[in-house]
Amino acid sequence: MLFEYVVLYTFHVGIGLRVVLPKREQFREVLAGFEAARLARLTAYQVDGLLDDPRIIRNRRKLEAVVQNAGAWLRLLTAEGGEAGVLKFFYGFVGGRPTDSQRPDGQAPPLHTPAAEAMSKELKRRGFALLGPATCYGLMQAAGLVNDHAMTCPRHGECQTATTGAYFTSLAGNNTEGA
């Protein structure tokens, strides 16, 4: 699921998720079910073919970035010892557990944070493309690394509960103090 977010956030650059998310299932169909191993093997000829598919956002740079990011994702999986290691890698940018901004109603969330800047820098170092700090911050929000919902929003409590339950505890491993 996390790699799916990487793909979708790669496409959202410059146009926003309101354009990308309604096409999520079409992206899934066209982009090999978001399977990194299959996407990493796409050839330039196959990318050219995707540019003719009206079901997705047809942008060469973004499609090439998806192929590049798929390869980088596979290398990250290897370097971090698999899915659990990749999860810990991403949680490492927020101190091992999701952060709650405790944002008051009416205050806009930040466009990016130092954690998102660090994530972006590290992902670029590892060969990822089109994942700047603002994009990484959105990815952190979508993946549950950051709870940015206003305190009065019903989703704030739902997200808070999700990150303190048994599911999160099993994902976070030993980093559960204060849960």
N, C-alpha and C. Protein backbone atom coordinates (compact mmCIF):
# COMPACT_ATOMS: atom_id res chain seq x y z
N MET A 1 0.83 -1.20 0.00
CA MET A 1 0.00 0.00 0.00
C MET A 1 0.87 1.25 0.00
N LEU A 2 1.99 1.22 0.71
CA LEU A 2 2.84 2.41 0.80
C LEU A 2 3.40 2.77 -0.57
N PHE A 3 3.81 1.77 -1.36
CA PHE A 3 4.31 2.08 -2.70
C PHE A 3 3.20 2.68 -3.57
N GLU A 4 1.99 2.23 -3.39
CA GLU A 4 0.85 2.82 -4.11
C GLU A 4 0.77 4.32 -3.82
N TYR A 5 0.94 4.69 -2.57
CA TYR A 5 0.95 6.11 -2.22
C TYR A 5 2.09 6.84 -2.92
N VAL A 6 3.26 6.21 -2.98
CA VAL A 6 4.39 6.84 -3.67
C VAL A 6 4.01 7.12 -5.13
N VAL A 7 3.38 6.15 -5.78
CA VAL A 7 2.98 6.33 -7.18
C VAL A 7 1.95 7.45 -7.30
N LEU A 8 0.91 7.41 -6.49
CA LEU A 8 -0.14 8.42 -6.59
C LEU A 8 0.39 9.82 -6.29
N TYR A 9 1.27 9.92 -5.31
CA TYR A 9 1.83 11.23 -4.97
C TYR A 9 2.82 11.71 -6.04
N THR A 10 3.43 10.79 -6.77
CA THR A 10 4.26 11.19 -7.90
C THR A 10 3.40 11.88 -8.95
N PHE A 11 2.20 11.39 -9.17
CA PHE A 11 1.30 12.00 -10.16
C PHE A 11 0.65 13.28 -9.67
N HIS A 12 0.54 13.45 -8.37
CA HIS A 12 -0.18 14.61 -7.86
C HIS A 12 0.63 15.90 -7.97
N VAL A 13 1.94 15.80 -8.19
CA VAL A 13 2.80 16.98 -8.26
C VAL A 13 2.26 17.97 -9.29
N GLY A 14 1.97 19.17 -8.83
CA GLY A 14 1.54 20.24 -9.72
C GLY A 14 0.06 20.25 -10.06
N ILE A 15 -0.67 19.17 -9.73
CA ILE A 15 -2.09 19.15 -10.09
C ILE A 15 -3.01 18.83 -8.91
N GLY A 16 -2.51 18.23 -7.87
CA GLY A 16 -3.30 17.95 -6.68
C GLY A 16 -3.99 16.60 -6.70
N LEU A 17 -4.29 16.15 -5.49
CA LEU A 17 -4.92 14.83 -5.33
C LEU A 17 -6.36 14.80 -5.80
N ARG A 18 -7.02 15.94 -5.85
CA ARG A 18 -8.41 15.95 -6.31
C ARG A 18 -8.53 15.52 -7.76
N VAL A 19 -7.46 15.64 -8.51
CA VAL A 19 -7.44 15.16 -9.89
C VAL A 19 -6.99 13.70 -9.92
N VAL A 20 -6.06 13.34 -9.07
CA VAL A 20 -5.46 12.00 -9.10
C VAL A 20 -6.35 10.94 -8.47
N LEU A 21 -6.88 11.21 -7.29
CA LEU A 21 -7.60 10.17 -6.55
C LEU A 21 -8.82 9.60 -7.27
N PRO A 22 -9.61 10.41 -7.98
CA PRO A 22 -10.73 9.80 -8.71
C PRO A 22 -10.28 8.81 -9.78
N LYS A 23 -9.03 8.86 -10.18
CA LYS A 23 -8.50 7.95 -11.19
C LYS A 23 -7.70 6.79 -10.57
N ARG A 24 -7.80 6.64 -9.27
CA ARG A 24 -6.99 5.64 -8.56
C ARG A 24 -7.16 4.24 -9.14
N GLU A 25 -8.38 3.81 -9.36
CA GLU A 25 -8.60 2.46 -9.89
C GLU A 25 -8.10 2.32 -11.32
N GLN A 26 -8.23 3.40 -12.10
CA GLN A 26 -7.69 3.36 -13.46
C GLN A 26 -6.16 3.27 -13.42
N PHE A 27 -5.54 4.02 -12.51
CA PHE A 27 -4.09 3.89 -12.34
C PHE A 27 -3.73 2.45 -11.97
N ARG A 28 -4.50 1.86 -11.07
CA ARG A 28 -4.22 0.49 -10.63
C ARG A 28 -4.28 -0.46 -11.84
N GLU A 29 -5.28 -0.29 -12.68
CA GLU A 29 -5.42 -1.15 -13.87
C GLU A 29 -4.27 -0.96 -14.84
N VAL A 30 -3.94 0.28 -15.11
CA VAL A 30 -2.94 0.60 -16.13
C VAL A 30 -1.51 0.37 -15.63
N LEU A 31 -1.29 0.61 -14.35
CA LEU A 31 0.07 0.54 -13.79
C LEU A 31 0.29 -0.75 -12.99
N ALA A 32 -0.07 -1.86 -13.58
CA ALA A 32 0.28 -3.20 -13.09
C ALA A 32 -0.08 -3.41 -11.62
N GLY A 33 -1.22 -2.87 -11.22
CA GLY A 33 -1.67 -3.06 -9.84
C GLY A 33 -0.73 -2.44 -8.81
N PHE A 34 0.04 -1.44 -9.23
CA PHE A 34 1.03 -0.77 -8.38
C PHE A 34 2.13 -1.73 -7.92
N GLU A 35 2.39 -2.77 -8.68
CA GLU A 35 3.44 -3.73 -8.33
C GLU A 35 4.78 -3.18 -8.78
N ALA A 36 5.62 -2.86 -7.82
CA ALA A 36 6.91 -2.22 -8.11
C ALA A 36 7.77 -3.06 -9.05
N ALA A 37 7.80 -4.35 -8.86
CA ALA A 37 8.65 -5.21 -9.70
C ALA A 37 8.24 -5.12 -11.17
N ARG A 38 6.96 -5.07 -11.43
CA ARG A 38 6.49 -4.97 -12.81
C ARG A 38 6.72 -3.58 -13.37
N LEU A 39 6.48 -2.56 -12.56
CA LEU A 39 6.66 -1.18 -13.02
C LEU A 39 8.13 -0.88 -13.30
N ALA A 40 9.02 -1.42 -12.51
CA ALA A 40 10.45 -1.16 -12.70
C ALA A 40 10.96 -1.70 -14.03
N ARG A 41 10.25 -2.67 -14.59
CA ARG A 41 10.67 -3.28 -15.86
C ARG A 41 10.04 -2.62 -17.09
N LEU A 42 9.23 -1.60 -16.89
CA LEU A 42 8.63 -0.94 -18.05
C LEU A 42 9.72 -0.34 -18.93
N THR A 43 9.56 -0.54 -20.22
CA THR A 43 10.52 0.01 -21.18
C THR A 43 10.05 1.39 -21.64
N ALA A 44 10.93 2.11 -22.31
CA ALA A 44 10.57 3.41 -22.87
C ALA A 44 9.42 3.25 -23.86
N TYR A 45 9.42 2.16 -24.61
CA TYR A 45 8.34 1.89 -25.56
C TYR A 45 7.00 1.72 -24.82
N GLN A 46 7.02 1.01 -23.71
CA GLN A 46 5.80 0.81 -22.93
C GLN A 46 5.33 2.12 -22.29
N VAL A 47 6.26 2.95 -21.85
CA VAL A 47 5.89 4.27 -21.32
C VAL A 47 5.23 5.09 -22.42
N ASP A 48 5.77 5.02 -23.64
CA ASP A 48 5.14 5.71 -24.77
C ASP A 48 3.70 5.25 -24.96
N GLY A 49 3.46 3.95 -24.82
CA GLY A 49 2.11 3.42 -24.94
C GLY A 49 1.19 3.94 -23.86
N LEU A 50 1.70 4.10 -22.65
CA LEU A 50 0.89 4.63 -21.55
C LEU A 50 0.47 6.08 -21.81
N LEU A 51 1.29 6.79 -22.56
CA LEU A 51 0.96 8.19 -22.87
C LEU A 51 -0.28 8.30 -23.75
N ASP A 52 -0.69 7.20 -24.35
CA ASP A 52 -1.90 7.19 -25.18
C ASP A 52 -3.14 6.72 -24.42
N ASP A 53 -2.98 6.34 -23.16
CA ASP A 53 -4.10 5.79 -22.39
C ASP A 53 -4.86 6.92 -21.67
N PRO A 54 -6.10 7.18 -22.09
CA PRO A 54 -6.85 8.31 -21.52
C PRO A 54 -7.34 8.08 -20.09
N ARG A 55 -7.17 6.86 -19.57
CA ARG A 55 -7.65 6.58 -18.21
C ARG A 55 -6.76 7.19 -17.13
N ILE A 56 -5.54 7.54 -17.49
CA ILE A 56 -4.60 8.07 -16.50
C ILE A 56 -4.13 9.46 -16.89
N ILE A 57 -3.38 10.09 -16.02
CA ILE A 57 -2.75 11.37 -16.32
C ILE A 57 -1.55 11.07 -17.21
N ARG A 58 -1.57 11.63 -18.39
CA ARG A 58 -0.55 11.29 -19.39
C ARG A 58 0.56 12.34 -19.39
N ASN A 59 1.55 12.07 -18.57
CA ASN A 59 2.68 12.98 -18.43
C ASN A 59 3.95 12.13 -18.45
N ARG A 60 4.76 12.33 -19.46
CA ARG A 60 5.96 11.50 -19.64
C ARG A 60 6.88 11.54 -18.41
N ARG A 61 7.15 12.74 -17.90
CA ARG A 61 8.07 12.86 -16.76
C ARG A 61 7.55 12.10 -15.54
N LYS A 62 6.24 12.16 -15.31
CA LYS A 62 5.68 11.46 -14.16
C LYS A 62 5.69 9.94 -14.37
N LEU A 63 5.42 9.51 -15.58
CA LEU A 63 5.47 8.07 -15.86
C LEU A 63 6.90 7.55 -15.74
N GLU A 64 7.86 8.32 -16.26
CA GLU A 64 9.26 7.91 -16.12
C GLU A 64 9.67 7.90 -14.65
N ALA A 65 9.16 8.85 -13.87
CA ALA A 65 9.46 8.88 -12.44
C ALA A 65 8.88 7.66 -11.74
N VAL A 66 7.70 7.21 -12.15
CA VAL A 66 7.11 6.00 -11.56
C VAL A 66 8.02 4.80 -11.80
N VAL A 67 8.54 4.68 -13.02
CA VAL A 67 9.44 3.58 -13.33
C VAL A 67 10.71 3.70 -12.48
N GLN A 68 11.27 4.90 -12.41
CA GLN A 68 12.46 5.14 -11.60
C GLN A 68 12.19 4.84 -10.13
N ASN A 69 11.04 5.31 -9.62
CA ASN A 69 10.70 5.10 -8.22
C ASN A 69 10.45 3.62 -7.91
N ALA A 70 9.93 2.89 -8.88
CA ALA A 70 9.71 1.46 -8.67
C ALA A 70 11.06 0.75 -8.47
N GLY A 71 12.03 1.11 -9.29
CA GLY A 71 13.36 0.53 -9.11
C GLY A 71 13.98 0.93 -7.78
N ALA A 72 13.81 2.20 -7.42
CA ALA A 72 14.33 2.68 -6.14
C ALA A 72 13.63 1.98 -4.97
N TRP A 73 12.33 1.73 -5.12
CA TRP A 73 11.57 1.03 -4.08
C TRP A 73 12.10 -0.38 -3.88
N LEU A 74 12.38 -1.07 -4.97
CA LEU A 74 12.91 -2.43 -4.86
C LEU A 74 14.28 -2.43 -4.17
N ARG A 75 15.11 -1.44 -4.48
CA ARG A 75 16.40 -1.33 -3.81
C ARG A 75 16.22 -1.01 -2.33
N LEU A 76 15.24 -0.17 -2.01
CA LEU A 76 14.95 0.17 -0.62
C LEU A 76 14.49 -1.08 0.15
N LEU A 77 13.63 -1.86 -0.47
CA LEU A 77 13.19 -3.12 0.15
C LEU A 77 14.37 -4.02 0.48
N THR A 78 15.29 -4.13 -0.45
CA THR A 78 16.47 -4.97 -0.24
C THR A 78 17.35 -4.40 0.87
N ALA A 79 17.59 -3.09 0.80
CA ALA A 79 18.47 -2.45 1.78
C ALA A 79 17.90 -2.49 3.20
N GLU A 80 16.59 -2.41 3.31
CA GLU A 80 15.96 -2.35 4.64
C GLU A 80 15.45 -3.71 5.11
N GLY A 81 15.65 -4.76 4.33
CA GLY A 81 15.29 -6.10 4.77
C GLY A 81 13.84 -6.47 4.57
N GLY A 82 13.15 -5.84 3.63
CA GLY A 82 11.77 -6.20 3.32
C GLY A 82 10.77 -5.14 3.77
N GLU A 83 9.50 -5.52 3.69
CA GLU A 83 8.40 -4.59 3.98
C GLU A 83 8.46 -4.02 5.40
N ALA A 84 8.73 -4.85 6.38
CA ALA A 84 8.79 -4.37 7.77
C ALA A 84 9.91 -3.36 7.93
N GLY A 85 11.03 -3.61 7.30
CA GLY A 85 12.15 -2.67 7.37
C GLY A 85 11.85 -1.35 6.68
N VAL A 86 11.14 -1.41 5.57
CA VAL A 86 10.75 -0.19 4.86
C VAL A 86 9.79 0.63 5.73
N LEU A 87 8.88 -0.05 6.39
CA LEU A 87 7.95 0.64 7.28
C LEU A 87 8.72 1.35 8.40
N LYS A 88 9.68 0.66 8.98
CA LYS A 88 10.50 1.29 10.03
C LYS A 88 11.31 2.45 9.47
N PHE A 89 11.79 2.30 8.22
CA PHE A 89 12.52 3.38 7.55
C PHE A 89 11.65 4.65 7.51
N PHE A 90 10.41 4.51 7.05
CA PHE A 90 9.52 5.67 6.95
C PHE A 90 9.14 6.20 8.33
N TYR A 91 8.86 5.32 9.27
CA TYR A 91 8.53 5.78 10.62
C TYR A 91 9.71 6.45 11.30
N GLY A 92 10.91 6.16 10.85
CA GLY A 92 12.10 6.79 11.41
C GLY A 92 12.10 8.30 11.23
N PHE A 93 11.40 8.79 10.22
CA PHE A 93 11.35 10.24 9.98
C PHE A 93 10.43 10.96 10.97
N VAL A 94 9.63 10.20 11.70
CA VAL A 94 8.74 10.81 12.71
C VAL A 94 9.03 10.24 14.09
N GLY A 95 10.26 9.84 14.30
CA GLY A 95 10.66 9.36 15.62
C GLY A 95 10.12 8.00 15.99
N GLY A 96 9.74 7.21 15.02
CA GLY A 96 9.30 5.84 15.29
C GLY A 96 7.82 5.66 15.52
N ARG A 97 7.08 6.75 15.56
CA ARG A 97 5.62 6.64 15.75
C ARG A 97 4.96 7.85 15.11
N PRO A 98 3.68 7.73 14.76
CA PRO A 98 2.98 8.85 14.13
C PRO A 98 2.98 10.10 15.02
N THR A 99 3.04 11.23 14.38
CA THR A 99 2.96 12.49 15.11
C THR A 99 1.56 13.07 14.98
N ASP A 100 1.13 13.75 16.01
CA ASP A 100 -0.18 14.40 16.04
C ASP A 100 0.07 15.89 16.19
N SER A 101 -0.29 16.65 15.18
CA SER A 101 0.02 18.09 15.20
C SER A 101 -0.84 18.87 16.19
N GLN A 102 -1.92 18.25 16.69
CA GLN A 102 -2.82 18.94 17.63
C GLN A 102 -3.25 20.29 17.05
N ARG A 103 -3.55 20.28 15.76
CA ARG A 103 -3.85 21.51 15.04
C ARG A 103 -5.23 22.05 15.42
N PRO A 104 -5.28 23.31 15.84
CA PRO A 104 -6.58 23.91 16.15
C PRO A 104 -7.40 24.13 14.88
N ASP A 105 -8.70 24.13 15.04
CA ASP A 105 -9.60 24.39 13.93
C ASP A 105 -9.29 25.77 13.35
N GLY A 106 -9.27 25.88 12.04
CA GLY A 106 -9.02 27.16 11.39
C GLY A 106 -7.57 27.41 11.05
N GLN A 107 -6.66 26.65 11.62
CA GLN A 107 -5.24 26.79 11.31
C GLN A 107 -4.88 25.80 10.21
N ALA A 108 -4.32 26.29 9.13
CA ALA A 108 -3.97 25.43 8.00
C ALA A 108 -2.78 24.54 8.36
N PRO A 109 -2.77 23.32 7.85
CA PRO A 109 -1.60 22.47 8.09
C PRO A 109 -0.41 23.04 7.32
N PRO A 110 0.80 22.69 7.74
CA PRO A 110 1.97 23.19 7.01
C PRO A 110 2.08 22.54 5.64
N LEU A 111 2.79 23.18 4.75
CA LEU A 111 3.03 22.59 3.43
C LEU A 111 4.09 21.49 3.50
N HIS A 112 5.03 21.64 4.42
CA HIS A 112 6.04 20.62 4.67
C HIS A 112 6.64 20.88 6.05
N THR A 113 7.41 19.93 6.50
CA THR A 113 8.03 20.01 7.82
C THR A 113 9.50 19.61 7.70
N PRO A 114 10.28 19.82 8.73
CA PRO A 114 11.67 19.32 8.69
C PRO A 114 11.73 17.81 8.45
N ALA A 115 10.80 17.07 9.01
CA ALA A 115 10.78 15.62 8.79
C ALA A 115 10.54 15.30 7.31
N ALA A 116 9.63 16.03 6.67
CA ALA A 116 9.36 15.82 5.25
C ALA A 116 10.57 16.23 4.41
N GLU A 117 11.25 17.28 4.81
CA GLU A 117 12.46 17.69 4.10
C GLU A 117 13.54 16.61 4.20
N ALA A 118 13.69 16.04 5.39
CA ALA A 118 14.67 14.97 5.58
C ALA A 118 14.29 13.74 4.76
N MET A 119 13.00 13.40 4.75
CA MET A 119 12.54 12.25 3.96
C MET A 119 12.82 12.48 2.48
N SER A 120 12.48 13.64 1.99
CA SER A 120 12.70 13.96 0.59
C SER A 120 14.17 13.83 0.21
N LYS A 121 15.02 14.40 1.04
CA LYS A 121 16.46 14.35 0.78
C LYS A 121 16.97 12.91 0.74
N GLU A 122 16.52 12.10 1.69
CA GLU A 122 16.96 10.71 1.75
C GLU A 122 16.41 9.89 0.58
N LEU A 123 15.14 10.12 0.22
CA LEU A 123 14.57 9.39 -0.91
C LEU A 123 15.28 9.76 -2.21
N LYS A 124 15.59 11.04 -2.39
CA LYS A 124 16.34 11.46 -3.58
C LYS A 124 17.71 10.80 -3.59
N ARG A 125 18.37 10.76 -2.43
CA ARG A 125 19.68 10.12 -2.34
C ARG A 125 19.60 8.65 -2.75
N ARG A 126 18.46 8.04 -2.48
CA ARG A 126 18.27 6.62 -2.79
C ARG A 126 17.71 6.40 -4.19
N GLY A 127 17.60 7.47 -4.98
CA GLY A 127 17.23 7.31 -6.39
C GLY A 127 15.79 7.60 -6.73
N PHE A 128 14.99 8.10 -5.81
CA PHE A 128 13.60 8.44 -6.09
C PHE A 128 13.53 9.79 -6.80
N ALA A 129 12.46 10.00 -7.55
CA ALA A 129 12.26 11.25 -8.30
C ALA A 129 10.89 11.84 -7.98
N LEU A 130 10.79 13.13 -8.14
CA LEU A 130 9.54 13.88 -7.97
C LEU A 130 8.93 13.73 -6.58
N LEU A 131 9.77 13.61 -5.58
CA LEU A 131 9.29 13.51 -4.20
C LEU A 131 9.96 14.60 -3.36
N GLY A 132 9.54 15.84 -3.61
CA GLY A 132 10.05 16.96 -2.84
C GLY A 132 9.42 17.01 -1.46
N PRO A 133 9.80 17.99 -0.63
CA PRO A 133 9.30 18.06 0.74
C PRO A 133 7.77 18.15 0.85
N ALA A 134 7.13 18.96 0.01
CA ALA A 134 5.67 19.08 0.09
C ALA A 134 5.00 17.76 -0.30
N THR A 135 5.53 17.10 -1.31
CA THR A 135 4.99 15.81 -1.73
C THR A 135 5.21 14.76 -0.64
N CYS A 136 6.39 14.77 -0.04
CA CYS A 136 6.66 13.83 1.05
C CYS A 136 5.75 14.09 2.24
N TYR A 137 5.44 15.36 2.52
CA TYR A 137 4.55 15.64 3.63
C TYR A 137 3.15 15.08 3.35
N GLY A 138 2.67 15.25 2.13
CA GLY A 138 1.39 14.65 1.76
C GLY A 138 1.43 13.14 1.87
N LEU A 139 2.52 12.54 1.46
CA LEU A 139 2.70 11.10 1.58
C LEU A 139 2.68 10.69 3.05
N MET A 140 3.32 11.48 3.91
CA MET A 140 3.32 11.19 5.34
C MET A 140 1.91 11.26 5.92
N GLN A 141 1.12 12.22 5.46
CA GLN A 141 -0.26 12.34 5.91
C GLN A 141 -1.07 11.13 5.46
N ALA A 142 -0.96 10.78 4.18
CA ALA A 142 -1.74 9.67 3.64
C ALA A 142 -1.37 8.34 4.29
N ALA A 143 -0.10 8.17 4.60
CA ALA A 143 0.37 6.91 5.17
C ALA A 143 0.14 6.82 6.68
N GLY A 144 -0.36 7.89 7.28
CA GLY A 144 -0.64 7.85 8.71
C GLY A 144 0.55 8.18 9.59
N LEU A 145 1.61 8.71 9.00
CA LEU A 145 2.77 9.10 9.79
C LEU A 145 2.52 10.41 10.52
N VAL A 146 1.59 11.20 10.00
CA VAL A 146 1.25 12.50 10.57
C VAL A 146 -0.27 12.60 10.64
N ASN A 147 -0.79 12.98 11.79
CA ASN A 147 -2.22 13.25 11.93
C ASN A 147 -2.36 14.77 11.92
N ASP A 148 -2.80 15.29 10.80
CA ASP A 148 -2.92 16.74 10.62
C ASP A 148 -4.36 17.22 10.67
N HIS A 149 -5.27 16.36 10.99
CA HIS A 149 -6.67 16.79 11.08
C HIS A 149 -6.83 17.77 12.24
N ALA A 150 -7.67 18.77 12.03
CA ALA A 150 -7.96 19.71 13.11
C ALA A 150 -8.54 18.93 14.29
N MET A 151 -8.28 19.42 15.48
CA MET A 151 -8.73 18.74 16.70
C MET A 151 -10.25 18.53 16.69
N THR A 152 -11.01 19.42 16.05
CA THR A 152 -12.47 19.31 16.04
C THR A 152 -12.98 18.39 14.93
N CYS A 153 -12.10 17.96 14.05
CA CYS A 153 -12.50 17.09 12.93
C CYS A 153 -12.70 15.67 13.45
N PRO A 154 -13.80 15.01 13.08
CA PRO A 154 -14.03 13.63 13.52
C PRO A 154 -12.90 12.68 13.10
N ARG A 155 -12.25 12.96 11.97
CA ARG A 155 -11.16 12.10 11.51
C ARG A 155 -9.94 12.18 12.43
N HIS A 156 -9.78 13.30 13.15
CA HIS A 156 -8.64 13.42 14.06
C HIS A 156 -8.66 12.29 15.08
N GLY A 157 -9.79 12.10 15.74
CA GLY A 157 -9.91 11.04 16.73
C GLY A 157 -9.76 9.66 16.12
N GLU A 158 -10.33 9.45 14.93
CA GLU A 158 -10.22 8.15 14.26
C GLU A 158 -8.76 7.83 13.94
N CYS A 159 -8.03 8.83 13.44
CA CYS A 159 -6.62 8.62 13.11
C CYS A 159 -5.80 8.39 14.38
N GLN A 160 -6.12 9.12 15.42
CA GLN A 160 -5.40 8.97 16.69
C GLN A 160 -5.61 7.56 17.24
N THR A 161 -6.83 7.07 17.19
CA THR A 161 -7.14 5.72 17.67
C THR A 161 -6.42 4.68 16.83
N ALA A 162 -6.39 4.89 15.51
CA ALA A 162 -5.73 3.92 14.63
C ALA A 162 -4.25 3.79 14.92
N THR A 163 -3.62 4.85 15.37
CA THR A 163 -2.18 4.81 15.61
C THR A 163 -1.81 4.39 17.02
N THR A 164 -2.80 4.13 17.85
CA THR A 164 -2.50 3.65 19.20
C THR A 164 -3.03 2.24 19.43
N GLY A 165 -3.66 1.66 18.43
CA GLY A 165 -4.25 0.32 18.57
C GLY A 165 -3.26 -0.79 18.31
N ALA A 166 -3.77 -2.00 18.36
CA ALA A 166 -2.94 -3.19 18.19
C ALA A 166 -2.29 -3.23 16.80
N TYR A 167 -2.99 -2.76 15.79
CA TYR A 167 -2.42 -2.79 14.43
C TYR A 167 -1.15 -1.96 14.39
N PHE A 168 -1.21 -0.72 14.90
CA PHE A 168 -0.02 0.12 14.89
C PHE A 168 1.07 -0.49 15.75
N THR A 169 0.71 -1.00 16.91
CA THR A 169 1.69 -1.57 17.81
C THR A 169 2.45 -2.70 17.11
N SER A 170 1.75 -3.51 16.33
CA SER A 170 2.42 -4.60 15.62
C SER A 170 3.34 -4.07 14.53
N LEU A 171 2.98 -2.94 13.91
CA LEU A 171 3.83 -2.37 12.86
C LEU A 171 5.04 -1.65 13.45
N ALA A 172 4.85 -0.98 14.54
CA ALA A 172 5.91 -0.16 15.10
C ALA A 172 6.97 -0.96 15.82
N GLY A 173 6.69 -2.21 16.09
CA GLY A 173 7.68 -3.04 16.77
C GLY A 173 7.88 -2.59 18.21
N ASN A 174 9.09 -2.32 18.58
CA ASN A 174 9.41 -1.97 19.96
C ASN A 174 9.19 -0.52 20.28
N ASN A 175 8.88 0.30 19.32
CA ASN A 175 8.76 1.74 19.54
C ASN A 175 7.35 2.14 19.92
N THR A 176 6.84 1.64 21.02
CA THR A 176 5.44 1.90 21.38
C THR A 176 5.29 2.61 22.71
N GLU A 177 6.35 3.17 23.25
CA GLU A 177 6.21 3.88 24.52
C GLU A 177 5.22 5.03 24.35
N GLY A 178 4.35 5.19 25.30
CA GLY A 178 3.38 6.28 25.27
C GLY A 178 2.17 6.01 24.41
N ALA A 179 2.05 4.81 23.88
CA ALA A 179 0.90 4.50 23.01
C ALA A 179 -0.37 4.38 23.82
